[in-house]
Amino acid sequence: MPDIKSTTVLDAFPRAVQAGEFLVTAEVAPSKGGDPAHMIQMAATLKGRVHAVNITDGSRAVLRMSSLVASVILSQNDIEPICQIACRDRNRISLQADLMGAHALGIHNILALTGDPVKAGDHPEAKAVFDLEAVRLLQLIRKLNLGIDYNDKPLTDGALNLFVGAAVDPQCASWSGLQSRFERKIEAGAQFFQSQLITDFERLEKFMDKIASVHDKPILAGIFLLKSAKNAQFINKVVPGVNIPQDIIDRLAKAKDPLQEGVKIAAEQVQIARQLCQGVHMMAVKREDLIPQILDLAGVKLVSGVVVK
C-alpha cells in the first residue's frame, strides 16, 4: 500500500494522521429506512469536533442503510466519513465492486472488518458469507491501491487510493493472539486502528507499551457513553469481551442523573486515553449530540480541517 506521505488523498483524517495530531473520530449508525435526516442531524453535531465520522456496516448484524451510501450522503453534507466495510455479507467480487465504487464517489477512508456473526442480529436466519476476513480484506485493498484485483489482474480503469484502517481489541484474552493478529493487519496495510470499547486502561497501556509502540501506526481508544447502570449491564451481557467494572455500574446506579454521570465517566476515560495513545474513537449510540460535551469536559479542543468541501 502506498505510504501516507506519497498519497494524493486530501481528506482531513489522513492529513491529521500524517501531521501526528491527537485524533478524534466518532461513530454514527446509518438510517433504519429510507430517510437519512436523523443520521445527518446527529453527524452534523460533530462538525468541527472530530476528524471523521465512522459509518457502521451492519453493526451487531442489525439491518441498516448501506454504509457506502450513508457515507456518500455525509460527504455531500460536508462531513468526512470513514466507511466501514465488513466481510459478513459480501463475497470478494462484491467487496471489490463496492470499494471501487467508494473510490469513484470520493470515499477514501475505509475501516476493514470481518463483521459480527449473523445470529447476533435481527435476521438470524440470514446466510452469512465470510468469503474473506479482515486481514485478507486489508490485503485485497492493498492490491486495489496498487492497481490489481484480488486475482492479480490489472485494473484497466485505474488504481484506487483508499486510506484503510482496522479494528483492534487490546482487552483480548489471548495476548499472543492479539499480537499476532495486530501485526498481520499491519503487514497487510492497515494505516490506523480503532479499538473496541475500552474499560481496562491498564491493559490498554500494556498493549501500547509492549505491542503498538513497535509500529508507527495511530491507535484510537474506543470510548463508549454509558447512559445508565442498566445500559452498562446490557453491554456486559451482549458485547463479547467487554467487562464494565462494577464500580462504574454502581456509580451510574447511584447518580441522580445517570446520563450526565455517563458523560463525566466518558470524559474521564478520554483524559486517560490521551496519556496512552494517539486518539479516541467516540461511541454514543443514539446520543451522538453529547459527544461535544464529553470532549469539552475532557479538555479536547476543536479539531481543524474537519469540513471536506
C-alpha atoms as a PDB file:
ATOM      1  CA  MET A   1       0.000   0.000   0.000  1.00  0.00           C
ATOM      2  CA  PRO A   2       1.324   3.493  -0.806  1.00  0.00           C
ATOM      3  CA  ASP A   3       2.924   5.296   2.125  1.00  0.00           C
ATOM      4  CA  ILE A   4       0.779   8.101   3.526  1.00  0.00           C
ATOM      5  CA  LYS A   5       3.471  10.656   2.712  1.00  0.00           C
ATOM      6  CA  SER A   6       3.162   9.907  -1.004  1.00  0.00           C
ATOM      7  CA  THR A   7      -0.594   9.511  -1.195  1.00  0.00           C
ATOM      8  CA  THR A   8      -2.754  12.042  -3.029  1.00  0.00           C
ATOM      9  CA  VAL A   9      -5.695  11.650  -0.665  1.00  0.00           C
ATOM     10  CA  LEU A  10      -6.577  15.126   0.594  1.00  0.00           C
ATOM     11  CA  ASP A  11      -9.200  14.236   3.208  1.00  0.00           C
ATOM     12  CA  ALA A  12      -8.833  15.719   6.691  1.00  0.00           C
ATOM     13  CA  PHE A  13      -8.419  12.440   8.534  1.00  0.00           C
ATOM     14  CA  PRO A  14      -5.350  11.160   6.630  1.00  0.00           C
ATOM     15  CA  ARG A  15      -3.839  14.652   6.851  1.00  0.00           C
ATOM     16  CA  ALA A  16      -4.312  14.633  10.624  1.00  0.00           C
ATOM     17  CA  VAL A  17      -2.673  11.206  10.839  1.00  0.00           C
ATOM     18  CA  GLN A  18       0.265  12.462   8.789  1.00  0.00           C
ATOM     19  CA  ALA A  19       0.561  15.570  10.986  1.00  0.00           C
ATOM     20  CA  GLY A  20       0.622  13.499  14.183  1.00  0.00           C
ATOM     21  CA  GLU A  21      -2.433  15.221  15.622  1.00  0.00           C
ATOM     22  CA  PHE A  22      -4.417  13.759  18.511  1.00  0.00           C
ATOM     23  CA  LEU A  23      -7.139  12.038  16.515  1.00  0.00           C
ATOM     24  CA  VAL A  24     -10.841  12.123  17.301  1.00  0.00           C
ATOM     25  CA  THR A  25     -13.401  10.055  15.429  1.00  0.00           C
ATOM     26  CA  ALA A  26     -16.980   9.202  16.293  1.00  0.00           C
ATOM     27  CA  GLU A  27     -19.431   6.520  15.272  1.00  0.00           C
ATOM     28  CA  VAL A  28     -22.856   7.111  13.737  1.00  0.00           C
ATOM     29  CA  ALA A  29     -25.241   4.366  12.654  1.00  0.00           C
ATOM     30  CA  PRO A  30     -26.851   4.619   9.204  1.00  0.00           C
ATOM     31  CA  SER A  31     -30.571   5.150   8.953  1.00  0.00           C
ATOM     32  CA  LYS A  32     -33.044   2.334   9.548  1.00  0.00           C
ATOM     33  CA  GLY A  33     -35.134   3.140   6.493  1.00  0.00           C
ATOM     34  CA  GLY A  34     -35.006   5.491   3.549  1.00  0.00           C
ATOM     35  CA  ASP A  35     -34.849   8.864   5.299  1.00  0.00           C
ATOM     36  CA  PRO A  36     -31.308   9.900   6.293  1.00  0.00           C
ATOM     37  CA  ALA A  37     -32.380  13.077   8.117  1.00  0.00           C
ATOM     38  CA  HIS A  38     -31.706  11.858  11.669  1.00  0.00           C
ATOM     39  CA  MET A  39     -28.330  10.395  10.705  1.00  0.00           C
ATOM     40  CA  ILE A  40     -27.333  13.692   9.093  1.00  0.00           C
ATOM     41  CA  GLN A  41     -28.561  15.626  12.133  1.00  0.00           C
ATOM     42  CA  MET A  42     -26.500  13.527  14.556  1.00  0.00           C
ATOM     43  CA  ALA A  43     -23.394  13.670  12.369  1.00  0.00           C
ATOM     44  CA  ALA A  44     -23.767  17.442  11.938  1.00  0.00           C
ATOM     45  CA  THR A  45     -23.416  17.933  15.706  1.00  0.00           C
ATOM     46  CA  LEU A  46     -19.869  16.573  15.344  1.00  0.00           C
ATOM     47  CA  LYS A  47     -18.654  19.107  12.764  1.00  0.00           C
ATOM     48  CA  GLY A  48     -15.508  20.780  13.988  1.00  0.00           C
ATOM     49  CA  ARG A  49     -15.142  18.309  16.852  1.00  0.00           C
ATOM     50  CA  VAL A  50     -13.983  15.157  15.087  1.00  0.00           C
ATOM     51  CA  HIS A  51     -11.677  14.453  12.168  1.00  0.00           C
ATOM     52  CA  ALA A  52     -14.093  11.942  10.654  1.00  0.00           C
ATOM     53  CA  VAL A  53     -17.338  10.100  11.349  1.00  0.00           C
ATOM     54  CA  ASN A  54     -17.459   6.292  11.173  1.00  0.00           C
ATOM     55  CA  ILE A  55     -20.465   4.872   9.382  1.00  0.00           C
ATOM     56  CA  THR A  56     -21.145   1.363  10.625  1.00  0.00           C
ATOM     57  CA  ASP A  57     -21.763  -1.591   8.328  1.00  0.00           C
ATOM     58  CA  GLY A  58     -24.477  -3.726   9.872  1.00  0.00           C
ATOM     59  CA  SER A  59     -23.065  -3.413  13.387  1.00  0.00           C
ATOM     60  CA  ARG A  60     -24.134  -6.372  15.572  1.00  0.00           C
ATOM     61  CA  ALA A  61     -25.613  -7.819  12.335  1.00  0.00           C
ATOM     62  CA  VAL A  62     -28.580  -5.444  12.611  1.00  0.00           C
ATOM     63  CA  LEU A  63     -30.137  -4.191   9.362  1.00  0.00           C
ATOM     64  CA  ARG A  64     -29.322  -0.584   8.455  1.00  0.00           C
ATOM     65  CA  MET A  65     -28.838   1.502   5.317  1.00  0.00           C
ATOM     66  CA  SER A  66     -25.769   0.676   3.206  1.00  0.00           C
ATOM     67  CA  SER A  67     -22.635   2.050   4.852  1.00  0.00           C
ATOM     68  CA  LEU A  68     -21.308   3.165   1.468  1.00  0.00           C
ATOM     69  CA  VAL A  69     -24.482   5.053   0.562  1.00  0.00           C
ATOM     70  CA  ALA A  70     -24.661   6.607   4.031  1.00  0.00           C
ATOM     71  CA  SER A  71     -21.001   7.673   3.735  1.00  0.00           C
ATOM     72  CA  VAL A  72     -21.713   9.399   0.424  1.00  0.00           C
ATOM     73  CA  ILE A  73     -24.674  11.220   1.988  1.00  0.00           C
ATOM     74  CA  LEU A  74     -22.471  12.514   4.816  1.00  0.00           C
ATOM     75  CA  SER A  75     -19.808  13.602   2.338  1.00  0.00           C
ATOM     76  CA  GLN A  76     -22.467  15.521   0.427  1.00  0.00           C
ATOM     77  CA  ASN A  77     -23.230  17.288   3.712  1.00  0.00           C
ATOM     78  CA  ASP A  78     -19.573  18.298   4.232  1.00  0.00           C
ATOM     79  CA  ILE A  79     -18.894  15.624   6.863  1.00  0.00           C
ATOM     80  CA  GLU A  80     -15.887  13.396   6.274  1.00  0.00           C
ATOM     81  CA  PRO A  81     -16.791   9.703   6.622  1.00  0.00           C
ATOM     82  CA  ILE A  82     -14.882   6.573   7.463  1.00  0.00           C
ATOM     83  CA  CYS A  83     -16.820   3.866   5.673  1.00  0.00           C
ATOM     84  CA  GLN A  84     -16.843   0.538   7.454  1.00  0.00           C
ATOM     85  CA  ILE A  85     -16.737  -2.482   5.150  1.00  0.00           C
ATOM     86  CA  ALA A  86     -17.498  -5.882   6.684  1.00  0.00           C
ATOM     87  CA  CYS A  87     -16.940  -9.300   5.116  1.00  0.00           C
ATOM     88  CA  ARG A  88     -20.041 -10.901   6.600  1.00  0.00           C
ATOM     89  CA  ASP A  89     -22.463 -10.051   3.784  1.00  0.00           C
ATOM     90  CA  ARG A  90     -20.266  -9.888   0.659  1.00  0.00           C
ATOM     91  CA  ASN A  91     -18.019 -12.190  -1.325  1.00  0.00           C
ATOM     92  CA  ARG A  92     -14.727 -10.974  -2.805  1.00  0.00           C
ATOM     93  CA  ILE A  93     -16.403  -9.851  -6.034  1.00  0.00           C
ATOM     94  CA  SER A  94     -18.900  -7.656  -4.201  1.00  0.00           C
ATOM     95  CA  LEU A  95     -16.269  -6.303  -1.804  1.00  0.00           C
ATOM     96  CA  GLN A  96     -14.072  -5.196  -4.701  1.00  0.00           C
ATOM     97  CA  ALA A  97     -17.025  -3.706  -6.539  1.00  0.00           C
ATOM     98  CA  ASP A  98     -18.077  -1.638  -3.511  1.00  0.00           C
ATOM     99  CA  LEU A  99     -14.509  -0.458  -2.887  1.00  0.00           C
ATOM    100  CA  MET A 100     -14.168   0.668  -6.497  1.00  0.00           C
ATOM    101  CA  GLY A 101     -17.463   2.496  -6.150  1.00  0.00           C
ATOM    102  CA  ALA A 102     -16.341   4.131  -2.901  1.00  0.00           C
ATOM    103  CA  HIS A 103     -13.184   5.458  -4.569  1.00  0.00           C
ATOM    104  CA  ALA A 104     -15.147   6.737  -7.577  1.00  0.00           C
ATOM    105  CA  LEU A 105     -17.532   8.604  -5.256  1.00  0.00           C
ATOM    106  CA  GLY A 106     -14.715  10.216  -3.262  1.00  0.00           C
ATOM    107  CA  ILE A 107     -14.946   7.962  -0.208  1.00  0.00           C
ATOM    108  CA  HIS A 108     -11.317   7.237   0.652  1.00  0.00           C
ATOM    109  CA  ASN A 109     -11.334   6.316   4.357  1.00  0.00           C
ATOM    110  CA  ILE A 110     -12.167   2.646   4.909  1.00  0.00           C
ATOM    111  CA  LEU A 111     -12.304   0.521   8.074  1.00  0.00           C
ATOM    112  CA  ALA A 112     -11.853  -3.132   7.115  1.00  0.00           C
ATOM    113  CA  LEU A 113     -13.786  -5.530   9.360  1.00  0.00           C
ATOM    114  CA  THR A 114     -14.645  -9.207   9.490  1.00  0.00           C
ATOM    115  CA  GLY A 115     -18.165  -8.412  10.743  1.00  0.00           C
ATOM    116  CA  ASP A 116     -20.334  -9.604  13.603  1.00  0.00           C
ATOM    117  CA  PRO A 117     -21.964 -13.059  13.386  1.00  0.00           C
ATOM    118  CA  VAL A 118     -25.384 -13.153  11.748  1.00  0.00           C
ATOM    119  CA  LYS A 119     -27.003 -14.925  14.689  1.00  0.00           C
ATOM    120  CA  ALA A 120     -26.243 -11.895  16.903  1.00  0.00           C
ATOM    121  CA  GLY A 121     -28.545  -9.677  14.848  1.00  0.00           C
ATOM    122  CA  ASP A 122     -32.147  -9.141  13.813  1.00  0.00           C
ATOM    123  CA  HIS A 123     -32.066 -11.560  10.856  1.00  0.00           C
ATOM    124  CA  PRO A 124     -30.568 -14.674  12.484  1.00  0.00           C
ATOM    125  CA  GLU A 125     -31.743 -16.929   9.641  1.00  0.00           C
ATOM    126  CA  ALA A 126     -29.833 -14.941   7.019  1.00  0.00           C
ATOM    127  CA  LYS A 127     -26.984 -16.687   5.221  1.00  0.00           C
ATOM    128  CA  ALA A 128     -23.541 -15.443   6.241  1.00  0.00           C
ATOM    129  CA  VAL A 129     -20.881 -15.079   3.547  1.00  0.00           C
ATOM    130  CA  PHE A 130     -17.478 -14.500   5.220  1.00  0.00           C
ATOM    131  CA  ASP A 131     -15.667 -15.241   1.957  1.00  0.00           C
ATOM    132  CA  LEU A 132     -12.812 -13.194   3.440  1.00  0.00           C
ATOM    133  CA  GLU A 133     -11.969 -11.872   6.893  1.00  0.00           C
ATOM    134  CA  ALA A 134     -10.368  -8.601   7.986  1.00  0.00           C
ATOM    135  CA  VAL A 135      -6.722  -9.454   7.237  1.00  0.00           C
ATOM    136  CA  ARG A 136      -7.464 -10.749   3.750  1.00  0.00           C
ATOM    137  CA  LEU A 137      -9.737  -7.744   3.139  1.00  0.00           C
ATOM    138  CA  LEU A 138      -6.807  -5.477   4.009  1.00  0.00           C
ATOM    139  CA  GLN A 139      -4.640  -7.454   1.579  1.00  0.00           C
ATOM    140  CA  LEU A 140      -7.324  -7.061  -1.085  1.00  0.00           C
ATOM    141  CA  ILE A 141      -7.435  -3.277  -0.578  1.00  0.00           C
ATOM    142  CA  ARG A 142      -3.656  -3.055  -0.791  1.00  0.00           C
ATOM    143  CA  LYS A 143      -3.816  -4.797  -4.163  1.00  0.00           C
ATOM    144  CA  LEU A 144      -6.558  -2.468  -5.419  1.00  0.00           C
ATOM    145  CA  ASN A 145      -4.401   0.505  -4.388  1.00  0.00           C
ATOM    146  CA  LEU A 146      -1.581  -0.989  -6.448  1.00  0.00           C
ATOM    147  CA  GLY A 147      -3.848  -1.309  -9.488  1.00  0.00           C
ATOM    148  CA  ILE A 148      -4.537  -5.040  -9.437  1.00  0.00           C
ATOM    149  CA  ASP A 149      -7.524  -7.102  -8.348  1.00  0.00           C
ATOM    150  CA  TYR A 150      -7.624  -9.979  -5.873  1.00  0.00           C
ATOM    151  CA  ASN A 151      -6.523 -12.381  -8.646  1.00  0.00           C
ATOM    152  CA  ASP A 152      -3.583 -10.121  -9.583  1.00  0.00           C
ATOM    153  CA  LYS A 153      -5.271  -8.955 -12.789  1.00  0.00           C
ATOM    154  CA  PRO A 154      -4.755  -5.277 -13.745  1.00  0.00           C
ATOM    155  CA  LEU A 155      -7.455  -2.701 -13.051  1.00  0.00           C
ATOM    156  CA  THR A 156      -7.747  -1.372 -16.583  1.00  0.00           C
ATOM    157  CA  ASP A 157      -9.551   1.792 -15.485  1.00  0.00           C
ATOM    158  CA  GLY A 158      -7.153   2.884 -12.786  1.00  0.00           C
ATOM    159  CA  ALA A 159      -5.875   2.015  -9.329  1.00  0.00           C
ATOM    160  CA  LEU A 160      -7.711   3.002  -6.157  1.00  0.00           C
ATOM    161  CA  ASN A 161      -6.471   5.370  -3.468  1.00  0.00           C
ATOM    162  CA  LEU A 162      -8.003   4.186  -0.206  1.00  0.00           C
ATOM    163  CA  PHE A 163      -6.770   5.032   3.295  1.00  0.00           C
ATOM    164  CA  VAL A 164      -7.523   1.886   5.239  1.00  0.00           C
ATOM    165  CA  GLY A 165      -7.686   1.070   8.928  1.00  0.00           C
ATOM    166  CA  ALA A 166      -8.609  -1.892  11.082  1.00  0.00           C
ATOM    167  CA  ALA A 167     -10.090  -2.779  14.439  1.00  0.00           C
ATOM    168  CA  VAL A 168      -8.109  -3.931  17.452  1.00  0.00           C
ATOM    169  CA  ASP A 169      -9.162  -5.261  20.859  1.00  0.00           C
ATOM    170  CA  PRO A 170      -6.430  -4.641  23.478  1.00  0.00           C
ATOM    171  CA  GLN A 171      -8.596  -6.490  26.015  1.00  0.00           C
ATOM    172  CA  CYS A 172      -8.410  -9.747  24.043  1.00  0.00           C
ATOM    173  CA  ALA A 173      -7.950 -12.687  26.410  1.00  0.00           C
ATOM    174  CA  SER A 174      -5.156 -14.176  24.312  1.00  0.00           C
ATOM    175  CA  TRP A 175      -2.111 -11.892  24.419  1.00  0.00           C
ATOM    176  CA  SER A 176      -0.240 -13.881  21.760  1.00  0.00           C
ATOM    177  CA  GLY A 177      -3.341 -13.918  19.564  1.00  0.00           C
ATOM    178  CA  LEU A 178      -3.760 -10.155  19.958  1.00  0.00           C
ATOM    179  CA  GLN A 179      -0.152  -9.503  18.986  1.00  0.00           C
ATOM    180  CA  SER A 180      -0.214 -11.899  16.041  1.00  0.00           C
ATOM    181  CA  ARG A 181      -3.418 -10.507  14.531  1.00  0.00           C
ATOM    182  CA  PHE A 182      -2.369  -6.892  15.102  1.00  0.00           C
ATOM    183  CA  GLU A 183       0.951  -7.482  13.351  1.00  0.00           C
ATOM    184  CA  ARG A 184      -0.739  -9.335  10.492  1.00  0.00           C
ATOM    185  CA  LYS A 185      -3.018  -6.331   9.958  1.00  0.00           C
ATOM    186  CA  ILE A 186      -0.011  -4.009   9.951  1.00  0.00           C
ATOM    187  CA  GLU A 187       1.694  -6.207   7.378  1.00  0.00           C
ATOM    188  CA  ALA A 188      -1.498  -6.277   5.288  1.00  0.00           C
ATOM    189  CA  GLY A 189      -1.568  -2.479   5.068  1.00  0.00           C
ATOM    190  CA  ALA A 190      -3.574  -1.049   7.996  1.00  0.00           C
ATOM    191  CA  GLN A 191      -2.718   2.647   8.431  1.00  0.00           C
ATOM    192  CA  PHE A 192      -4.667   3.243  11.651  1.00  0.00           C
ATOM    193  CA  PHE A 193      -6.538   1.258  14.312  1.00  0.00           C
ATOM    194  CA  GLN A 194      -9.761   1.917  16.178  1.00  0.00           C
ATOM    195  CA  SER A 195     -10.234  -0.157  19.293  1.00  0.00           C
ATOM    196  CA  GLN A 196     -13.233  -1.864  20.745  1.00  0.00           C
ATOM    197  CA  LEU A 197     -14.845  -0.304  23.830  1.00  0.00           C
ATOM    198  CA  ILE A 198     -12.075   0.109  26.424  1.00  0.00           C
ATOM    199  CA  THR A 199     -12.783  -0.479  30.107  1.00  0.00           C
ATOM    200  CA  ASP A 200      -9.406  -1.812  31.238  1.00  0.00           C
ATOM    201  CA  PHE A 201      -6.962   1.040  30.737  1.00  0.00           C
ATOM    202  CA  GLU A 202      -4.112  -0.835  32.396  1.00  0.00           C
ATOM    203  CA  ARG A 203      -4.495  -3.444  29.674  1.00  0.00           C
ATOM    204  CA  LEU A 204      -4.530  -0.687  27.047  1.00  0.00           C
ATOM    205  CA  GLU A 205      -1.316   0.750  28.481  1.00  0.00           C
ATOM    206  CA  LYS A 206       0.342  -2.662  28.357  1.00  0.00           C
ATOM    207  CA  PHE A 207      -0.772  -3.109  24.750  1.00  0.00           C
ATOM    208  CA  MET A 208       0.611   0.303  23.814  1.00  0.00           C
ATOM    209  CA  ASP A 209       3.941  -0.350  25.553  1.00  0.00           C
ATOM    210  CA  LYS A 210       4.525  -3.955  24.540  1.00  0.00           C
ATOM    211  CA  ILE A 211       2.941  -4.217  21.082  1.00  0.00           C
ATOM    212  CA  ALA A 212       1.802  -0.970  19.469  1.00  0.00           C
ATOM    213  CA  SER A 213       4.922   1.041  20.304  1.00  0.00           C
ATOM    214  CA  VAL A 214       6.956  -1.068  17.893  1.00  0.00           C
ATOM    215  CA  HIS A 215       4.826   0.150  14.978  1.00  0.00           C
ATOM    216  CA  ASP A 216       4.283   3.755  13.934  1.00  0.00           C
ATOM    217  CA  LYS A 217       0.518   3.498  13.480  1.00  0.00           C
ATOM    218  CA  PRO A 218      -2.058   5.517  15.447  1.00  0.00           C
ATOM    219  CA  ILE A 219      -4.309   3.700  17.901  1.00  0.00           C
ATOM    220  CA  LEU A 220      -7.672   5.287  18.724  1.00  0.00           C
ATOM    221  CA  ALA A 221      -9.123   4.040  22.014  1.00  0.00           C
ATOM    222  CA  GLY A 222     -12.824   3.219  21.934  1.00  0.00           C
ATOM    223  CA  ILE A 223     -14.773   5.369  24.417  1.00  0.00           C
ATOM    224  CA  PHE A 224     -18.422   4.437  24.956  1.00  0.00           C
ATOM    225  CA  LEU A 225     -21.105   6.638  26.537  1.00  0.00           C
ATOM    226  CA  LEU A 226     -22.907   4.596  29.187  1.00  0.00           C
ATOM    227  CA  LYS A 227     -26.382   6.024  29.753  1.00  0.00           C
ATOM    228  CA  SER A 228     -27.363   4.146  32.924  1.00  0.00           C
ATOM    229  CA  ALA A 229     -26.466   1.171  35.108  1.00  0.00           C
ATOM    230  CA  LYS A 230     -28.971  -0.893  33.134  1.00  0.00           C
ATOM    231  CA  ASN A 231     -27.275   0.125  29.883  1.00  0.00           C
ATOM    232  CA  ALA A 232     -23.873  -0.899  31.293  1.00  0.00           C
ATOM    233  CA  GLN A 233     -25.231  -4.286  32.377  1.00  0.00           C
ATOM    234  CA  PHE A 234     -26.750  -4.793  28.925  1.00  0.00           C
ATOM    235  CA  ILE A 235     -23.395  -4.015  27.261  1.00  0.00           C
ATOM    236  CA  ASN A 236     -21.672  -6.545  29.529  1.00  0.00           C
ATOM    237  CA  LYS A 237     -24.238  -9.145  28.510  1.00  0.00           C
ATOM    238  CA  VAL A 238     -24.322  -8.699  24.738  1.00  0.00           C
ATOM    239  CA  VAL A 239     -20.881  -7.381  23.712  1.00  0.00           C
ATOM    240  CA  PRO A 240     -18.230 -10.131  23.696  1.00  0.00           C
ATOM    241  CA  GLY A 241     -15.006  -9.323  25.512  1.00  0.00           C
ATOM    242  CA  VAL A 242     -16.378  -6.282  27.348  1.00  0.00           C
ATOM    243  CA  ASN A 243     -16.415  -6.181  31.130  1.00  0.00           C
ATOM    244  CA  ILE A 244     -17.589  -2.843  32.511  1.00  0.00           C
ATOM    245  CA  PRO A 245     -16.332  -2.733  36.108  1.00  0.00           C
ATOM    246  CA  GLN A 246     -18.841  -2.972  38.936  1.00  0.00           C
ATOM    247  CA  ASP A 247     -17.683   0.331  40.430  1.00  0.00           C
ATOM    248  CA  ILE A 248     -18.742   2.146  37.254  1.00  0.00           C
ATOM    249  CA  ILE A 249     -22.102   0.363  37.269  1.00  0.00           C
ATOM    250  CA  ASP A 250     -22.577   1.331  40.930  1.00  0.00           C
ATOM    251  CA  ARG A 251     -21.621   4.923  40.188  1.00  0.00           C
ATOM    252  CA  LEU A 252     -24.262   5.107  37.453  1.00  0.00           C
ATOM    253  CA  ALA A 253     -26.853   3.459  39.690  1.00  0.00           C
ATOM    254  CA  LYS A 254     -26.318   5.988  42.489  1.00  0.00           C
ATOM    255  CA  ALA A 255     -26.295   9.074  40.262  1.00  0.00           C
ATOM    256  CA  LYS A 256     -29.245  11.479  40.316  1.00  0.00           C
ATOM    257  CA  ASP A 257     -28.769  11.966  36.584  1.00  0.00           C
ATOM    258  CA  PRO A 258     -27.269   8.736  35.190  1.00  0.00           C
ATOM    259  CA  LEU A 259     -26.871  10.113  31.666  1.00  0.00           C
ATOM    260  CA  GLN A 260     -24.815  13.093  32.850  1.00  0.00           C
ATOM    261  CA  GLU A 261     -22.794  10.777  35.073  1.00  0.00           C
ATOM    262  CA  GLY A 262     -22.114   8.693  31.973  1.00  0.00           C
ATOM    263  CA  VAL A 263     -20.905  11.839  30.202  1.00  0.00           C
ATOM    264  CA  LYS A 264     -18.492  12.515  33.092  1.00  0.00           C
ATOM    265  CA  ILE A 265     -17.211   8.929  33.061  1.00  0.00           C
ATOM    266  CA  ALA A 266     -16.609   9.081  29.300  1.00  0.00           C
ATOM    267  CA  ALA A 267     -14.757  12.404  29.681  1.00  0.00           C
ATOM    268  CA  GLU A 268     -12.534  10.901  32.383  1.00  0.00           C
ATOM    269  CA  GLN A 269     -11.771   7.986  30.096  1.00  0.00           C
ATOM    270  CA  VAL A 270     -10.858  10.326  27.223  1.00  0.00           C
ATOM    271  CA  GLN A 271      -8.387  12.055  29.560  1.00  0.00           C
ATOM    272  CA  ILE A 272      -6.812   8.710  30.470  1.00  0.00           C
ATOM    273  CA  ALA A 273      -6.631   7.657  26.820  1.00  0.00           C
ATOM    274  CA  ARG A 274      -4.868  10.919  25.868  1.00  0.00           C
ATOM    275  CA  GLN A 275      -1.956   9.866  28.050  1.00  0.00           C
ATOM    276  CA  LEU A 276      -1.700   6.431  26.444  1.00  0.00           C
ATOM    277  CA  CYS A 277      -2.440   6.586  22.726  1.00  0.00           C
ATOM    278  CA  GLN A 278      -2.840   8.817  19.688  1.00  0.00           C
ATOM    279  CA  GLY A 279      -6.593   9.268  19.641  1.00  0.00           C
ATOM    280  CA  VAL A 280     -10.087   8.320  20.728  1.00  0.00           C
ATOM    281  CA  HIS A 281     -12.994   6.785  18.880  1.00  0.00           C
ATOM    282  CA  MET A 282     -16.240   8.007  20.453  1.00  0.00           C
ATOM    283  CA  MET A 283     -19.357   5.831  20.583  1.00  0.00           C
ATOM    284  CA  ALA A 284     -22.614   7.295  21.922  1.00  0.00           C
ATOM    285  CA  VAL A 285     -25.412   5.250  20.410  1.00  0.00           C
ATOM    286  CA  LYS A 286     -28.449   7.487  19.670  1.00  0.00           C
ATOM    287  CA  ARG A 287     -26.858  10.359  21.652  1.00  0.00           C
ATOM    288  CA  GLU A 288     -24.069  11.424  19.339  1.00  0.00           C
ATOM    289  CA  ASP A 289     -25.100  15.003  20.134  1.00  0.00           C
ATOM    290  CA  LEU A 290     -23.484  14.557  23.580  1.00  0.00           C
ATOM    291  CA  ILE A 291     -20.027  13.824  22.184  1.00  0.00           C
ATOM    292  CA  PRO A 292     -19.038  17.529  22.010  1.00  0.00           C
ATOM    293  CA  GLN A 293     -19.967  17.868  25.701  1.00  0.00           C
ATOM    294  CA  ILE A 294     -17.784  14.863  26.556  1.00  0.00           C
ATOM    295  CA  LEU A 295     -14.868  16.334  24.631  1.00  0.00           C
ATOM    296  CA  ASP A 296     -15.336  19.710  26.327  1.00  0.00           C
ATOM    297  CA  LEU A 297     -15.245  18.111  29.778  1.00  0.00           C
ATOM    298  CA  ALA A 298     -12.133  16.187  28.755  1.00  0.00           C
ATOM    299  CA  GLY A 299     -10.427  19.370  27.578  1.00  0.00           C
ATOM    300  CA  VAL A 300     -10.168  18.261  23.952  1.00  0.00           C
ATOM    301  CA  LYS A 301     -10.162  21.358  21.768  1.00  0.00           C
ATOM    302  CA  LEU A 302     -11.805  21.810  18.412  1.00  0.00           C
ATOM    303  CA  VAL A 303     -10.098  19.944  15.601  1.00  0.00           C
ATOM    304  CA  SER A 304      -9.087  21.753  12.434  1.00  0.00           C
ATOM    305  CA  GLY A 305      -9.895  20.936   8.858  1.00  0.00           C
ATOM    306  CA  VAL A 306     -12.867  18.666   9.532  1.00  0.00           C
ATOM    307  CA  VAL A 307     -15.049  20.134   6.778  1.00  0.00           C
ATOM    308  CA  VAL A 308     -14.332  18.394   3.491  1.00  0.00           C
ATOM    309  CA  LYS A 309     -15.695  20.872   0.945  1.00  0.00           C
END
